[in-house]
C-alpha atoms as a PDB file:
ATOM      1  CA  MET A   1      -0.016   0.012   0.001  1.00  0.00           C
ATOM      2  CA  GLN A   2       1.111   3.558  -0.709  1.00  0.00           C
ATOM      3  CA  ASN A   3       1.952   5.812   2.077  1.00  0.00           C
ATOM      4  CA  LYS A   4      -0.675   8.218   3.342  1.00  0.00           C
ATOM      5  CA  GLU A   5       1.028  11.281   2.005  1.00  0.00           C
ATOM      6  CA  GLU A   6       1.082   9.800  -1.503  1.00  0.00           C
ATOM      7  CA  ILE A   7      -2.603   9.034  -1.304  1.00  0.00           C
ATOM      8  CA  ILE A   8      -3.488  12.503  -0.116  1.00  0.00           C
ATOM      9  CA  ARG A   9      -1.399  13.902  -3.045  1.00  0.00           C
ATOM     10  CA  LYS A  10      -3.433  11.770  -5.486  1.00  0.00           C
ATOM     11  CA  ILE A  11      -6.705  12.840  -3.879  1.00  0.00           C
ATOM     12  CA  ASN A  12      -5.826  16.499  -4.228  1.00  0.00           C
ATOM     13  CA  LEU A  13      -4.783  16.056  -7.800  1.00  0.00           C
ATOM     14  CA  THR A  14      -8.174  14.366  -8.556  1.00  0.00           C
ATOM     15  CA  LEU A  15     -10.111  17.079  -6.715  1.00  0.00           C
ATOM     16  CA  ASP A  16      -8.238  19.718  -8.759  1.00  0.00           C
ATOM     17  CA  GLN A  17      -9.430  17.878 -11.953  1.00  0.00           C
ATOM     18  CA  ILE A  18     -13.124  17.851 -10.985  1.00  0.00           C
ATOM     19  CA  ARG A  19     -13.152  21.244  -9.155  1.00  0.00           C
ATOM     20  CA  PRO A  20     -13.735  23.294 -12.435  1.00  0.00           C
ATOM     21  CA  TYR A  21     -17.044  21.426 -13.049  1.00  0.00           C
ATOM     22  CA  LEU A  22     -18.247  22.234  -9.507  1.00  0.00           C
ATOM     23  CA  GLN A  23     -17.102  25.855  -9.791  1.00  0.00           C
ATOM     24  CA  ALA A  24     -18.914  26.245 -13.100  1.00  0.00           C
ATOM     25  CA  ASP A  25     -22.149  25.800 -11.040  1.00  0.00           C
ATOM     26  CA  GLY A  26     -20.975  28.109  -8.254  1.00  0.00           C
ATOM     27  CA  GLY A  27     -19.726  25.293  -5.912  1.00  0.00           C
ATOM     28  CA  ASP A  28     -16.551  23.697  -4.796  1.00  0.00           C
ATOM     29  CA  VAL A  29     -15.158  20.798  -2.847  1.00  0.00           C
ATOM     30  CA  LEU A  30     -12.599  20.892  -0.068  1.00  0.00           C
ATOM     31  CA  LEU A  31     -10.577  18.026   1.310  1.00  0.00           C
ATOM     32  CA  LYS A  32     -11.074  18.069   5.097  1.00  0.00           C
ATOM     33  CA  GLU A  33      -9.371  14.845   6.204  1.00  0.00           C
ATOM     34  CA  VAL A  34      -8.154  11.403   5.240  1.00  0.00           C
ATOM     35  CA  THR A  35      -8.498   9.062   8.155  1.00  0.00           C
ATOM     36  CA  ASP A  36      -6.147   6.271   8.995  1.00  0.00           C
ATOM     37  CA  ASP A  37      -8.620   3.735   7.499  1.00  0.00           C
ATOM     38  CA  LEU A  38      -8.583   5.805   4.263  1.00  0.00           C
ATOM     39  CA  THR A  39     -12.033   7.436   4.613  1.00  0.00           C
ATOM     40  CA  VAL A  40     -11.948  10.641   2.668  1.00  0.00           C
ATOM     41  CA  LYS A  41     -13.869  13.558   4.330  1.00  0.00           C
ATOM     42  CA  VAL A  42     -14.782  16.398   2.048  1.00  0.00           C
ATOM     43  CA  SER A  43     -16.872  19.451   2.290  1.00  0.00           C
ATOM     44  CA  LEU A  44     -19.040  20.727  -0.568  1.00  0.00           C
ATOM     45  CA  THR A  45     -19.135  24.511  -0.528  1.00  0.00           C
ATOM     46  CA  GLY A  46     -20.803  27.427  -2.299  1.00  0.00           C
ATOM     47  CA  ALA A  47     -23.823  26.479  -4.343  1.00  0.00           C
ATOM     48  CA  CYS A  48     -23.148  22.809  -3.732  1.00  0.00           C
ATOM     49  CA  HIS A  49     -23.666  23.211   0.062  1.00  0.00           C
ATOM     50  CA  GLY A  50     -27.249  22.447   0.816  1.00  0.00           C
ATOM     51  CA  CYS A  51     -28.143  21.783  -2.850  1.00  0.00           C
ATOM     52  CA  PRO A  52     -30.781  19.067  -3.241  1.00  0.00           C
ATOM     53  CA  PHE A  53     -28.418  17.313  -5.615  1.00  0.00           C
ATOM     54  CA  SER A  54     -25.368  17.544  -3.339  1.00  0.00           C
ATOM     55  CA  MET A  55     -25.451  13.810  -2.374  1.00  0.00           C
ATOM     56  CA  GLN A  56     -25.676  12.848  -6.055  1.00  0.00           C
ATOM     57  CA  THR A  57     -22.781  15.172  -6.812  1.00  0.00           C
ATOM     58  CA  LEU A  58     -20.805  13.578  -3.962  1.00  0.00           C
ATOM     59  CA  ARG A  59     -21.479   9.950  -4.994  1.00  0.00           C
ATOM     60  CA  ALA A  60     -21.608  10.108  -8.773  1.00  0.00           C
ATOM     61  CA  GLY A  61     -19.097  12.870  -9.257  1.00  0.00           C
ATOM     62  CA  VAL A  62     -16.569  13.232  -6.431  1.00  0.00           C
ATOM     63  CA  GLU A  63     -16.558   9.700  -5.065  1.00  0.00           C
ATOM     64  CA  GLN A  64     -16.496   8.061  -8.485  1.00  0.00           C
ATOM     65  CA  ALA A  65     -13.540  10.190  -9.589  1.00  0.00           C
ATOM     66  CA  LEU A  66     -11.648   9.497  -6.345  1.00  0.00           C
ATOM     67  CA  ARG A  67     -12.234   5.760  -6.460  1.00  0.00           C
ATOM     68  CA  HIS A  68     -11.069   5.678 -10.090  1.00  0.00           C
ATOM     69  CA  SER A  69      -7.788   7.531  -9.282  1.00  0.00           C
ATOM     70  CA  VAL A  70      -7.246   6.269  -5.776  1.00  0.00           C
ATOM     71  CA  PRO A  71      -8.777   2.733  -5.413  1.00  0.00           C
ATOM     72  CA  GLU A  72      -7.244   2.357  -2.006  1.00  0.00           C
ATOM     73  CA  ILE A  73      -9.753   4.672  -0.355  1.00  0.00           C
ATOM     74  CA  LYS A  74     -12.457   3.111   1.755  1.00  0.00           C
ATOM     75  CA  GLU A  75     -15.272   5.640   1.222  1.00  0.00           C
ATOM     76  CA  VAL A  76     -15.986   9.336   0.690  1.00  0.00           C
ATOM     77  CA  VAL A  77     -18.187  11.248   3.156  1.00  0.00           C
ATOM     78  CA  SER A  78     -19.417  14.821   3.379  1.00  0.00           C
ATOM     79  CA  VAL A  79     -18.684  16.698   6.585  1.00  0.00           C
END
C-alpha cells in the first residue's frame, strides 16, 4: 500500500481535476481529512452546500472520480 502522503497527493490532484465542473455551477469541494482507515472527508461549498443534488454530486461525481484515481480509499463522506 502507498503511504498516506502519496494517497493525499493523488486525492488532491483528482479534486483539482473535478473542481472546475463544480465551480462552473458556483460550488466547490474541499478536502477536510483522510482518516487512517482511508475514509476521505470532504466538504461541498458554495452552491453545492445544501443543494438538493449535493449527495448525487458527492456519490456520482466526487466519489466516483476519487475511487477511479485512488482505489485504496474506503469511502467518501461529506462533513
